[in-house]
Structures are given as structure tokens and as C-alpha cells.
N, C-alpha and C. Protein backbone atom coordinates (compact mmCIF):
# COMPACT_ATOMS: atom_id res chain seq x y z
N MET A 1 -13.28 -28.13 -13.03
CA MET A 1 -13.28 -26.78 -12.45
C MET A 1 -12.56 -26.76 -11.11
N LEU A 2 -12.85 -27.77 -10.29
CA LEU A 2 -12.20 -27.86 -8.98
C LEU A 2 -10.69 -28.05 -9.14
N LEU A 3 -10.31 -28.87 -10.10
CA LEU A 3 -8.90 -29.11 -10.36
C LEU A 3 -8.18 -27.82 -10.73
N LEU A 4 -8.85 -27.02 -11.54
CA LEU A 4 -8.28 -25.73 -11.97
C LEU A 4 -8.09 -24.80 -10.78
N LEU A 5 -9.08 -24.78 -9.88
CA LEU A 5 -8.97 -23.95 -8.69
C LEU A 5 -7.81 -24.41 -7.81
N LEU A 6 -7.65 -25.70 -7.66
CA LEU A 6 -6.55 -26.23 -6.86
C LEU A 6 -5.20 -25.85 -7.48
N LEU A 7 -5.12 -25.96 -8.80
CA LEU A 7 -3.89 -25.57 -9.48
C LEU A 7 -3.58 -24.10 -9.26
N LEU A 8 -4.61 -23.26 -9.37
CA LEU A 8 -4.43 -21.83 -9.13
C LEU A 8 -3.97 -21.56 -7.70
N LEU A 9 -4.55 -22.27 -6.78
CA LEU A 9 -4.18 -22.10 -5.38
C LEU A 9 -2.72 -22.47 -5.15
N GLN A 10 -2.31 -23.58 -5.73
CA GLN A 10 -0.91 -24.00 -5.60
C GLN A 10 0.02 -22.98 -6.24
N LEU A 11 -0.38 -22.46 -7.39
CA LEU A 11 0.42 -21.44 -8.05
C LEU A 11 0.56 -20.20 -7.18
N LEU A 12 -0.54 -19.80 -6.55
CA LEU A 12 -0.50 -18.63 -5.67
C LEU A 12 0.42 -18.87 -4.48
N LEU A 13 0.36 -20.04 -3.91
CA LEU A 13 1.24 -20.36 -2.79
C LEU A 13 2.70 -20.32 -3.22
N LEU A 14 2.97 -20.87 -4.40
CA LEU A 14 4.32 -20.84 -4.92
C LEU A 14 4.80 -19.42 -5.14
N LEU A 15 3.93 -18.61 -5.72
CA LEU A 15 4.26 -17.20 -5.95
C LEU A 15 4.52 -16.48 -4.63
N GLN A 16 3.72 -16.78 -3.64
CA GLN A 16 3.90 -16.17 -2.33
C GLN A 16 5.28 -16.51 -1.75
N LYS A 17 5.65 -17.78 -1.87
CA LYS A 17 6.97 -18.19 -1.38
C LYS A 17 8.08 -17.47 -2.14
N LEU A 18 7.92 -17.36 -3.46
CA LEU A 18 8.91 -16.66 -4.26
C LEU A 18 9.00 -15.19 -3.87
N LEU A 19 7.86 -14.57 -3.62
CA LEU A 19 7.85 -13.16 -3.21
C LEU A 19 8.55 -12.98 -1.88
N ILE A 20 8.29 -13.89 -0.95
CA ILE A 20 8.95 -13.80 0.36
C ILE A 20 10.46 -13.93 0.20
N LEU A 21 10.88 -14.87 -0.65
CA LEU A 21 12.31 -15.04 -0.90
C LEU A 21 12.91 -13.78 -1.52
N LEU A 22 12.20 -13.20 -2.46
CA LEU A 22 12.68 -11.97 -3.09
C LEU A 22 12.80 -10.84 -2.07
N LEU A 23 11.82 -10.73 -1.22
CA LEU A 23 11.87 -9.68 -0.19
C LEU A 23 13.04 -9.89 0.76
N LEU A 24 13.29 -11.14 1.13
CA LEU A 24 14.43 -11.42 1.99
C LEU A 24 15.74 -11.07 1.30
N LEU A 25 15.84 -11.40 0.02
CA LEU A 25 17.05 -11.04 -0.74
C LEU A 25 17.23 -9.55 -0.80
N LEU A 26 16.15 -8.82 -1.02
CA LEU A 26 16.23 -7.36 -1.06
C LEU A 26 16.68 -6.80 0.28
N LEU A 27 16.14 -7.35 1.36
CA LEU A 27 16.55 -6.90 2.69
C LEU A 27 18.03 -7.16 2.93
N LEU A 28 18.51 -8.33 2.51
CA LEU A 28 19.92 -8.63 2.66
C LEU A 28 20.78 -7.66 1.87
N LEU A 29 20.35 -7.35 0.65
CA LEU A 29 21.09 -6.40 -0.18
C LEU A 29 21.13 -5.02 0.48
N LEU A 30 20.00 -4.60 1.03
CA LEU A 30 19.96 -3.30 1.72
C LEU A 30 20.89 -3.29 2.92
N LEU A 31 20.90 -4.38 3.67
CA LEU A 31 21.80 -4.46 4.82
C LEU A 31 23.26 -4.38 4.38
N LEU A 32 23.59 -5.08 3.30
CA LEU A 32 24.96 -5.02 2.78
C LEU A 32 25.33 -3.61 2.35
N LEU A 33 24.41 -2.93 1.69
CA LEU A 33 24.66 -1.55 1.27
C LEU A 33 24.87 -0.65 2.47
N LEU A 34 24.06 -0.82 3.50
CA LEU A 34 24.22 -0.01 4.71
C LEU A 34 25.58 -0.28 5.37
N LEU A 35 25.98 -1.54 5.41
CA LEU A 35 27.28 -1.86 5.98
C LEU A 35 28.41 -1.22 5.18
N LEU A 36 28.29 -1.26 3.85
CA LEU A 36 29.30 -0.64 3.00
C LEU A 36 29.36 0.86 3.25
N LEU A 37 28.20 1.49 3.37
CA LEU A 37 28.16 2.93 3.64
C LEU A 37 28.81 3.25 4.98
N LEU A 38 28.51 2.46 6.00
CA LEU A 38 29.13 2.68 7.31
C LEU A 38 30.63 2.52 7.23
N LEU A 39 31.08 1.51 6.49
CA LEU A 39 32.51 1.29 6.32
C LEU A 39 33.16 2.48 5.64
N LEU A 40 32.50 2.99 4.60
CA LEU A 40 33.02 4.16 3.89
C LEU A 40 33.09 5.36 4.83
N LEU A 41 32.04 5.57 5.61
CA LEU A 41 32.03 6.70 6.53
C LEU A 41 33.12 6.57 7.58
N LEU A 42 33.40 5.35 8.00
CA LEU A 42 34.46 5.14 8.98
C LEU A 42 35.83 5.32 8.35
N LEU A 43 35.98 4.88 7.10
CA LEU A 43 37.28 4.96 6.44
C LEU A 43 37.55 6.32 5.84
N LEU A 44 36.51 7.11 5.59
CA LEU A 44 36.68 8.40 4.94
C LEU A 44 37.63 9.33 5.70
N PRO A 45 37.47 9.51 7.02
CA PRO A 45 38.42 10.38 7.72
C PRO A 45 39.86 9.89 7.61
N LEU A 46 40.05 8.58 7.67
CA LEU A 46 41.40 8.03 7.54
C LEU A 46 41.98 8.35 6.17
N LEU A 47 41.15 8.19 5.14
CA LEU A 47 41.61 8.50 3.78
C LEU A 47 41.93 9.98 3.65
N LEU A 48 41.09 10.82 4.23
CA LEU A 48 41.35 12.26 4.18
C LEU A 48 42.64 12.61 4.91
N LEU A 49 42.88 11.99 6.05
CA LEU A 49 44.12 12.23 6.78
C LEU A 49 45.33 11.80 5.95
N LEU A 50 45.22 10.64 5.31
CA LEU A 50 46.33 10.18 4.46
C LEU A 50 46.58 11.15 3.31
N LEU A 51 45.51 11.64 2.68
CA LEU A 51 45.66 12.61 1.61
C LEU A 51 46.32 13.88 2.13
N LEU A 52 45.90 14.33 3.29
CA LEU A 52 46.47 15.54 3.89
C LEU A 52 47.96 15.35 4.16
N LEU A 53 48.32 14.18 4.70
CA LEU A 53 49.74 13.90 4.95
C LEU A 53 50.53 13.88 3.67
N LEU A 54 49.97 13.27 2.63
CA LEU A 54 50.65 13.24 1.33
C LEU A 54 50.85 14.65 0.79
N LEU A 55 49.81 15.49 0.89
CA LEU A 55 49.92 16.87 0.42
C LEU A 55 50.99 17.61 1.21
N LEU A 56 51.02 17.42 2.52
CA LEU A 56 52.04 18.08 3.34
C LEU A 56 53.43 17.63 2.95
N LEU A 57 53.59 16.33 2.71
CA LEU A 57 54.90 15.82 2.29
C LEU A 57 55.30 16.41 0.95
N LEU A 58 54.36 16.49 0.02
CA LEU A 58 54.65 17.08 -1.29
C LEU A 58 55.01 18.54 -1.16
N LEU A 59 54.28 19.26 -0.31
CA LEU A 59 54.59 20.68 -0.09
C LEU A 59 55.97 20.84 0.53
N ASP A 60 56.28 19.99 1.51
CA ASP A 60 57.61 20.03 2.12
C ASP A 60 58.68 19.79 1.07
N ALA A 61 58.46 18.79 0.24
CA ALA A 61 59.42 18.49 -0.81
C ALA A 61 59.54 19.66 -1.78
N ALA A 62 58.42 20.30 -2.09
CA ALA A 62 58.44 21.44 -3.02
C ALA A 62 59.15 22.63 -2.40
N ILE A 63 58.96 22.84 -1.10
CA ILE A 63 59.60 23.99 -0.43
C ILE A 63 61.11 23.77 -0.30
N PHE A 64 61.51 22.57 0.03
CA PHE A 64 62.93 22.33 0.29
C PHE A 64 63.77 22.21 -0.97
N THR A 65 63.12 22.00 -2.11
CA THR A 65 63.94 21.91 -3.32
C THR A 65 64.05 23.27 -4.01
């Protein structure tokens, strides 16, 4: 009986370590997602400006031909 309890205890400790590792991985993933979102938000105005410039160039080309 005592042996069984010790085994259960060790299993619980192992599970706890695994849970902590999983939580850390999830936190890292969330941080990466946040960084990607920030990057997108920073790059979005630049992309919009490039699109606007392309549209203006196309309109210029359409008007002059």
C-alpha cells in the first residue's frame, strides 16, 4: 500500500512538472503571437502606403495613356 502511494506521489510530481512545462510553452507561444501582431501593426501603415503609391502610379499611367 505504501509503495502504491509513493508511486502515485511520484506520478503527481511528474505531472506537475509536465504541466508547468506546458504552461511555459503556452506563454512563449502567446508572446510570439503578440510580437507578430505588433509587427503586423507596425508594417500595416507601410503596406498601405505602398498600395496607395501603386494605385497612384497606375492611375497616372491610365490618365496619361
